[in-house]
Amino acid sequence: MGLESTMNDIARGVEVLGVATVVLGLAAALLGAGLGLVRGNGAEEVYTAVRTAFARSILLGLEFLVAADIIRTVAVQPSLENVAVLGLIVLIRTFLSFALEVEIDGRWPWKRA
């Protein structure tokens, strides 16, 4: 088992962690919604709580997936084409993370609460 194979396995593990984070975040958000409805919280309040909890899990999952892409590109297949693809993936995921953060907080990051 060489370094390339080991790094590929590590990258795959980080990817699994990222996907698991999103799936478990969805489950936790839905469980929280159910509990909120049972407690008599309003539908709008429950919706906001679920949306916020799930968006945070997506953000964390995206971070893991970006880390896996970096590991795979730098350690496993460091070609110029793969680095360019990594740059595009990171750019897209960064935009998604930024957009989700704005959705969660309801304000631009540079504006104070």
Protein backbone atom coordinates (compact mmCIF):
# COMPACT_ATOMS: atom_id res chain seq x y z
CA MET A 1 0.00 0.00 0.00
CA GLY A 2 1.68 3.17 -1.23
CA LEU A 3 1.33 6.80 -0.30
CA GLU A 4 -1.04 7.50 -3.20
CA SER A 5 -3.37 4.70 -2.17
CA THR A 6 -3.30 5.80 1.47
CA MET A 7 -4.06 9.42 0.59
CA ASN A 8 -6.87 8.32 -1.72
CA ASP A 9 -8.36 6.28 1.13
CA ILE A 10 -8.07 9.27 3.48
CA ALA A 11 -9.76 11.52 0.90
CA ARG A 12 -12.54 8.96 0.48
CA GLY A 13 -12.98 8.84 4.27
CA VAL A 14 -13.24 12.64 4.47
CA GLU A 15 -15.83 12.54 1.65
CA VAL A 16 -17.85 9.97 3.57
CA LEU A 17 -17.62 12.18 6.65
CA GLY A 18 -18.91 15.13 4.60
CA VAL A 19 -21.87 13.19 3.24
CA ALA A 20 -22.62 11.74 6.69
CA THR A 21 -22.58 15.26 8.14
CA VAL A 22 -25.23 16.40 5.66
CA VAL A 23 -27.39 13.30 6.15
CA LEU A 24 -27.17 13.40 9.95
CA GLY A 25 -27.82 17.14 9.88
CA LEU A 26 -30.98 16.54 7.87
CA ALA A 27 -32.10 13.85 10.31
CA ALA A 28 -31.41 16.11 13.29
CA ALA A 29 -33.24 19.03 11.63
CA LEU A 30 -36.26 16.87 10.89
CA LEU A 31 -36.25 15.43 14.40
CA GLY A 32 -36.09 18.97 15.77
CA ALA A 33 -39.01 19.92 13.54
CA GLY A 34 -41.07 17.05 14.84
CA LEU A 35 -40.28 17.96 18.43
CA GLY A 36 -41.06 21.60 17.74
CA LEU A 37 -44.44 20.74 16.29
CA VAL A 38 -45.25 18.41 19.20
CA ARG A 39 -44.35 21.21 21.63
CA GLY A 40 -46.79 23.48 19.86
CA ASN A 41 -44.35 25.80 18.14
CA GLY A 42 -45.73 27.61 15.12
CA ALA A 43 -45.12 26.26 11.64
CA GLU A 44 -43.11 29.31 10.63
CA GLU A 45 -40.86 29.02 13.69
CA VAL A 46 -40.32 25.30 13.06
CA TYR A 47 -39.59 25.94 9.38
CA THR A 48 -36.99 28.58 10.24
CA ALA A 49 -35.33 26.30 12.80
CA VAL A 50 -35.19 23.36 10.37
CA ARG A 51 -33.87 25.50 7.57
CA THR A 52 -31.15 26.98 9.77
CA ALA A 53 -30.09 23.63 11.25
CA PHE A 54 -29.97 21.93 7.88
CA ALA A 55 -28.12 24.82 6.22
CA ARG A 56 -25.45 24.65 8.94
CA SER A 57 -24.98 20.93 8.34
CA ILE A 58 -24.68 21.57 4.60
CA LEU A 59 -22.00 24.19 5.30
CA LEU A 60 -20.01 21.80 7.44
CA GLY A 61 -20.44 18.99 4.91
CA LEU A 62 -19.19 21.28 2.13
CA GLU A 63 -16.08 22.04 4.17
CA PHE A 64 -15.32 18.32 4.48
CA LEU A 65 -15.90 17.79 0.76
CA VAL A 66 -13.57 20.65 -0.16
CA ALA A 67 -10.92 19.18 2.16
CA ALA A 68 -11.30 15.79 0.46
CA ASP A 69 -10.90 17.40 -2.97
CA ILE A 70 -7.76 19.20 -1.82
CA ILE A 71 -6.26 16.01 -0.40
CA ARG A 72 -7.04 14.07 -3.55
CA THR A 73 -5.74 16.76 -5.92
CA VAL A 74 -2.57 17.67 -4.06
CA ALA A 75 -1.52 14.27 -2.75
CA VAL A 76 -2.95 11.80 -5.26
CA GLN A 77 -3.16 13.42 -8.71
CA PRO A 78 -1.22 16.72 -8.76
CA SER A 79 -1.61 17.68 -12.43
CA LEU A 80 -2.27 21.18 -13.75
CA GLU A 81 -5.67 20.11 -15.09
CA ASN A 82 -6.69 18.64 -11.72
CA VAL A 83 -5.56 21.78 -9.91
CA ALA A 84 -7.68 23.89 -12.29
CA VAL A 85 -10.69 21.65 -11.68
CA LEU A 86 -10.05 21.88 -7.93
CA GLY A 87 -9.97 25.67 -8.18
CA LEU A 88 -13.34 25.68 -9.94
CA ILE A 89 -14.85 23.27 -7.40
CA VAL A 90 -13.55 25.35 -4.49
CA LEU A 91 -14.89 28.53 -6.11
CA ILE A 92 -18.36 27.04 -6.56
CA ARG A 93 -18.46 25.57 -3.07
CA THR A 94 -17.19 28.81 -1.56
CA PHE A 95 -20.00 30.70 -3.32
CA LEU A 96 -22.52 28.15 -2.01
CA SER A 97 -21.12 28.47 1.51
CA PHE A 98 -21.26 32.26 1.32
CA ALA A 99 -24.85 32.19 0.04
CA LEU A 100 -25.92 29.76 2.77
CA GLU A 101 -24.25 31.87 5.45
CA VAL A 102 -26.14 34.94 4.24
CA GLU A 103 -29.39 32.92 4.27
CA ILE A 104 -28.77 31.68 7.81
CA ASP A 105 -27.78 35.02 9.32
CA GLY A 106 -30.08 37.17 7.18
CA ARG A 107 -27.35 39.79 6.64
CA TRP A 108 -24.13 40.32 4.76
CA PRO A 109 -21.06 39.06 6.64
CA TRP A 110 -19.49 42.52 6.78
CA LYS A 111 -22.61 44.07 8.34
CA ARG A 112 -22.83 43.97 12.10
CA ALA A 113 -25.88 42.53 13.79
